[in-house]
Amino acid sequence: MNRVVRKFLRICHLYDPVVDLKKWLEGAQADYTKFYSQFVKRGDLCFDVGANVGRRTKVFLKLEATVIAVEPQEHCMAQLKKKYGNNNRVVLVPKAVGEKKGQMEMMLCDSHSLSSLSKNWVETVKASGRYSSCTWDKTVTVSVVSLDDLISQYGKPAFMKIDVEGYEYQALKGLSQPIKTICFEFTPEFMESTINCVEYLSKIGPAKFNYCLENKPTSFVLSKWCTAEQMRKELESLCSKKTVGDIYAKFEN
């Protein structure tokens, strides 16, 4: 979707419904529901960190989980309230996630899924040209909470998805205890930060790793889950391929 079409749809308040329709036609929601069912069972607690407009929250609800949806952007939170404000299995938290409680400046993108707390990440992806059609021309101060704070308040999740556009490492540093499964995004321009995430999680507890690529987001690349060191080598080999994907960390009992 080019920039002109995207802006037109946003002006008409049609962008998110069009994206949702596109994903539904492609079967993406059904694919994610089937894929996540190996991690999420009925009655489980899930954290959707960087919930945006709630597409993953919808998947978790289909799996009959309770969801803590964490999202700092006012526009996105308004959408979440419209969709899930009356759902007693969804708790909406209008905050960002970081290493510790406080306030931070968020860089807002005209494509709200790319807004970020990481100025370094924004500058890096702009320089790479991958998001050349996007602009980050506004900022807003947002409240920040740590993952440990969320666990203290709501309980330990069975599954946690983190999508915070380059701020994954800082978010994970606010977690001091293992949970069953964590998923977080990686981008080729910011691979060092992703490696830091893997190494940090391996220090919290015994963890195994796997990953999916952007073109097959519900299919693991590795036939067997690997160690942190093996995951590091995989990520280093992906740097030159300019690919995006998701890392999965599973803590052993």
Protein backbone atom coordinates (compact mmCIF):
# COMPACT_ATOMS: atom_id res chain seq x y z
CA MET A 1 0.00 0.00 0.00
CA ASN A 2 1.66 3.25 -1.12
CA ARG A 3 1.87 6.40 0.94
CA VAL A 4 -0.85 8.33 -0.92
CA VAL A 5 -3.40 5.51 -0.57
CA ARG A 6 -2.46 5.00 3.09
CA LYS A 7 -2.93 8.70 3.90
CA PHE A 8 -6.25 8.82 2.05
CA LEU A 9 -7.54 5.83 4.02
CA ARG A 10 -6.40 7.41 7.29
CA ILE A 11 -8.17 10.68 6.48
CA CYS A 12 -11.35 8.71 5.81
CA HIS A 13 -10.81 6.61 8.97
CA LEU A 14 -10.72 3.48 6.82
CA TYR A 15 -7.08 2.37 7.12
CA ASP A 16 -7.47 -0.09 9.99
CA PRO A 17 -10.71 -1.67 8.69
CA VAL A 18 -9.09 -2.13 5.26
CA VAL A 19 -6.01 -3.78 6.81
CA ASP A 20 -8.22 -6.02 8.96
CA LEU A 21 -10.23 -7.04 5.88
CA LYS A 22 -7.05 -7.74 3.92
CA LYS A 23 -5.67 -9.95 6.69
CA TRP A 24 -9.00 -11.75 7.02
CA LEU A 25 -9.12 -12.44 3.27
CA GLU A 26 -5.55 -13.72 3.42
CA GLY A 27 -6.45 -16.02 6.31
CA ALA A 28 -3.83 -14.45 8.58
CA GLN A 29 -5.99 -14.43 11.72
CA ALA A 30 -6.86 -18.11 11.32
CA ASP A 31 -3.21 -18.98 10.71
CA TYR A 32 -2.09 -17.12 13.83
CA THR A 33 -4.83 -18.73 15.92
CA LYS A 34 -3.70 -22.20 14.88
CA PHE A 35 -0.02 -21.34 15.35
CA TYR A 36 -0.45 -19.72 18.78
CA SER A 37 -2.59 -22.63 20.01
CA GLN A 38 0.64 -24.52 20.73
CA PHE A 39 1.47 -21.86 23.35
CA VAL A 40 -1.89 -20.51 24.53
CA LYS A 41 -4.60 -22.62 26.16
CA ARG A 42 -8.08 -21.82 27.39
CA GLY A 43 -7.94 -19.69 30.54
CA ASP A 44 -4.30 -18.62 30.06
CA LEU A 45 -3.11 -15.08 30.64
CA CYS A 46 -1.44 -13.32 27.68
CA PHE A 47 0.37 -9.99 27.45
CA ASP A 48 -0.02 -8.10 24.16
CA VAL A 49 2.73 -5.49 24.52
CA GLY A 50 2.48 -2.90 21.79
CA ALA A 51 -1.08 -4.02 21.11
CA ASN A 52 -1.62 -1.32 18.44
CA VAL A 53 -5.24 -1.85 17.30
CA GLY A 54 -5.58 -5.33 18.79
CA ARG A 55 -5.06 -7.84 16.01
CA ARG A 56 -3.09 -10.21 18.28
CA THR A 57 -5.50 -9.53 21.14
CA LYS A 58 -8.23 -10.85 18.85
CA VAL A 59 -6.24 -14.04 18.28
CA PHE A 60 -5.66 -14.57 22.01
CA LEU A 61 -9.38 -14.10 22.66
CA LYS A 62 -10.23 -16.74 20.05
CA LEU A 63 -8.02 -19.08 22.06
CA GLU A 64 -10.13 -18.18 25.12
CA ALA A 65 -7.31 -16.44 26.96
CA THR A 66 -7.42 -13.34 29.13
CA VAL A 67 -5.41 -10.48 27.61
CA ILE A 68 -3.49 -7.56 29.08
CA ALA A 69 -3.27 -5.22 26.08
CA VAL A 70 -0.58 -2.56 26.57
CA GLU A 71 -0.57 0.38 24.13
CA PRO A 72 0.56 4.02 24.66
CA GLN A 73 -0.82 5.68 21.50
CA GLU A 74 -4.12 7.50 22.03
CA HIS A 75 -5.42 6.72 18.53
CA CYS A 76 -4.75 3.02 18.96
CA MET A 77 -6.14 2.94 22.49
CA ALA A 78 -9.35 4.52 21.21
CA GLN A 79 -9.66 1.65 18.72
CA LEU A 80 -8.95 -0.89 21.46
CA LYS A 81 -11.62 0.63 23.70
CA LYS A 82 -14.13 0.49 20.86
CA LYS A 83 -13.34 -3.18 20.18
CA TYR A 84 -12.69 -4.53 23.66
CA GLY A 85 -13.76 -1.93 26.21
CA ASN A 86 -16.73 -4.07 27.28
CA ASN A 87 -14.91 -7.39 27.16
CA ASN A 88 -14.23 -8.70 30.67
CA ARG A 89 -11.35 -10.84 29.36
CA VAL A 90 -9.38 -7.80 28.16
CA VAL A 91 -7.56 -5.28 30.37
CA LEU A 92 -6.44 -2.16 28.49
CA VAL A 93 -3.27 -0.48 29.77
CA PRO A 94 -2.59 2.92 28.11
CA LYS A 95 1.16 2.83 28.64
CA ALA A 96 4.45 1.93 26.99
CA VAL A 97 6.80 -0.74 28.35
CA GLY A 98 10.40 -0.05 29.31
CA GLU A 99 13.12 -0.95 31.78
CA LYS A 100 11.51 0.96 34.63
CA LYS A 101 8.46 3.05 35.51
CA GLY A 102 8.46 6.68 34.37
CA GLN A 103 7.74 8.83 31.34
CA MET A 104 9.35 8.95 27.91
CA GLU A 105 9.02 10.71 24.58
CA MET A 106 7.53 8.61 21.79
CA MET A 107 8.17 9.42 18.14
CA LEU A 108 4.84 9.16 16.30
CA CYS A 109 4.76 7.84 12.74
CA ASP A 110 2.09 8.54 10.14
CA SER A 111 1.83 4.73 10.05
CA HIS A 112 0.97 4.18 13.73
CA SER A 113 2.36 0.65 13.77
CA LEU A 114 5.86 2.19 13.40
CA SER A 115 5.75 4.70 16.25
CA SER A 116 8.65 4.10 18.62
CA LEU A 117 10.41 5.08 21.84
CA SER A 118 13.75 4.39 20.16
CA LYS A 119 15.13 7.39 18.30
CA ASN A 120 18.09 5.26 17.24
CA TRP A 121 15.78 2.66 15.66
CA VAL A 122 13.80 5.34 13.79
CA GLU A 123 16.97 6.93 12.43
CA THR A 124 18.37 3.52 11.45
CA VAL A 125 15.31 2.32 9.52
CA LYS A 126 14.93 5.71 7.84
CA ALA A 127 18.55 5.57 6.70
CA SER A 128 18.09 2.06 5.32
CA GLY A 129 15.26 3.26 3.07
CA ARG A 130 12.92 0.45 4.09
CA TYR A 131 10.35 2.89 5.43
CA SER A 132 11.16 5.79 3.13
CA SER A 133 7.47 6.54 2.58
CA CYS A 134 6.86 7.08 6.31
CA THR A 135 7.42 10.17 8.44
CA TRP A 136 7.99 10.61 12.16
CA ASP A 137 7.13 14.28 12.55
CA LYS A 138 5.38 14.35 15.93
CA THR A 139 6.26 13.36 19.48
CA VAL A 140 4.22 12.71 22.59
CA THR A 141 5.12 12.03 26.22
CA VAL A 142 3.86 8.62 27.37
CA SER A 143 3.78 6.79 30.68
CA VAL A 144 6.10 3.79 30.93
CA VAL A 145 5.73 0.64 33.02
CA SER A 146 8.04 -2.38 33.36
CA LEU A 147 7.11 -5.98 32.59
CA ASP A 148 7.79 -6.87 36.23
CA ASP A 149 5.31 -4.16 37.24
CA LEU A 150 2.67 -5.66 34.93
CA ILE A 151 3.30 -9.16 36.28
CA SER A 152 3.06 -7.88 39.85
CA GLN A 153 -0.30 -6.30 39.08
CA TYR A 154 -1.92 -8.84 36.74
CA GLY A 155 -0.01 -12.10 37.18
CA LYS A 156 2.52 -14.06 35.15
CA PRO A 157 1.46 -14.67 31.54
CA ALA A 158 1.72 -17.96 29.68
CA PHE A 159 2.55 -16.06 26.50
CA MET A 160 3.83 -12.57 25.83
CA LYS A 161 4.05 -10.84 22.45
CA ILE A 162 6.24 -7.74 22.24
CA ASP A 163 6.07 -5.43 19.22
CA VAL A 164 7.64 -2.10 20.17
CA GLU A 165 9.65 -1.05 17.11
CA GLY A 166 13.25 -1.23 18.24
CA TYR A 167 12.61 -0.90 21.97
CA GLU A 168 12.49 -4.64 22.65
CA TYR A 169 15.76 -4.83 24.58
CA GLN A 170 14.83 -2.00 26.93
CA ALA A 171 11.40 -3.58 27.46
CA LEU A 172 12.88 -6.98 28.24
CA LYS A 173 15.34 -5.48 30.72
CA GLY A 174 12.27 -4.72 32.84
CA LEU A 175 11.67 -8.49 33.15
CA SER A 176 13.57 -10.37 35.86
CA GLN A 177 11.79 -13.74 35.77
CA PRO A 178 11.14 -16.42 33.16
CA ILE A 179 7.71 -16.92 31.66
CA LYS A 180 6.65 -19.78 29.40
CA THR A 181 6.97 -18.15 25.97
CA ILE A 182 7.96 -14.72 24.66
CA CYS A 183 7.73 -13.47 21.08
CA PHE A 184 9.43 -10.29 19.84
CA GLU A 185 10.21 -8.73 16.47
CA PHE A 186 13.61 -8.34 14.80
CA THR A 187 14.72 -6.13 11.92
CA PRO A 188 17.98 -6.47 9.94
CA GLU A 189 19.07 -2.89 10.65
CA PHE A 190 18.86 -3.44 14.40
CA MET A 191 20.20 -6.97 14.78
CA GLU A 192 22.66 -6.13 17.56
CA SER A 193 19.75 -5.15 19.79
CA THR A 194 17.99 -8.43 18.95
CA ILE A 195 21.10 -10.40 19.90
CA ASN A 196 21.18 -8.46 23.18
CA CYS A 197 17.58 -9.58 23.78
CA VAL A 198 18.47 -13.23 23.23
CA GLU A 199 21.50 -13.03 25.53
CA TYR A 200 19.53 -11.23 28.22
CA LEU A 201 16.72 -13.78 28.20
CA SER A 202 19.20 -16.65 28.42
CA LYS A 203 20.48 -15.14 31.69
CA ILE A 204 16.99 -15.02 33.23
CA GLY A 205 16.61 -18.79 32.97
CA PRO A 206 17.24 -21.82 30.73
CA ALA A 207 15.71 -20.85 27.40
CA LYS A 208 15.46 -22.27 23.89
CA PHE A 209 14.88 -20.18 20.77
CA ASN A 210 13.31 -20.36 17.34
CA TYR A 211 12.18 -17.82 14.76
CA CYS A 212 9.78 -17.06 11.91
CA LEU A 213 10.35 -14.86 8.88
CA GLU A 214 8.06 -12.11 7.64
CA ASN A 215 6.87 -14.04 4.58
CA LYS A 216 5.96 -17.08 6.73
CA PRO A 217 5.07 -15.62 10.14
CA THR A 218 3.37 -18.78 11.41
CA SER A 219 6.03 -21.29 10.42
CA PHE A 220 9.23 -21.88 12.38
CA VAL A 221 12.45 -21.83 10.37
CA LEU A 222 14.28 -24.28 12.64
CA SER A 223 13.09 -27.86 12.99
CA LYS A 224 14.42 -27.89 16.57
CA TRP A 225 14.61 -25.12 19.17
CA CYS A 226 18.17 -23.92 19.69
CA THR A 227 20.43 -22.40 22.34
CA ALA A 228 21.13 -18.69 22.71
CA GLU A 229 24.52 -19.10 21.06
CA GLN A 230 23.01 -20.94 18.10
CA MET A 231 20.33 -18.26 17.81
CA ARG A 232 23.03 -15.59 17.77
CA LYS A 233 24.70 -17.30 14.79
CA GLU A 234 21.36 -17.55 12.99
CA LEU A 235 20.74 -13.83 13.49
CA GLU A 236 24.22 -12.88 12.33
CA SER A 237 23.64 -14.86 9.14
CA LEU A 238 20.34 -13.01 8.56
CA CYS A 239 21.91 -9.54 8.67
CA SER A 240 22.91 -9.62 5.02
CA LYS A 241 19.52 -10.97 3.90
CA LYS A 242 17.64 -7.82 4.96
CA THR A 243 14.76 -9.83 6.34
CA VAL A 244 12.30 -9.16 9.16
CA GLY A 245 10.77 -11.70 11.51
CA ASP A 246 9.91 -12.78 15.04
CA ILE A 247 12.07 -14.46 17.68
CA TYR A 248 10.42 -16.94 20.04
CA ALA A 249 11.95 -17.71 23.43
CA LYS A 250 10.65 -20.69 25.39
CA PHE A 251 11.77 -21.20 28.96
CA GLU A 252 12.34 -24.75 30.08
CA ASN A 253 10.62 -26.03 33.22
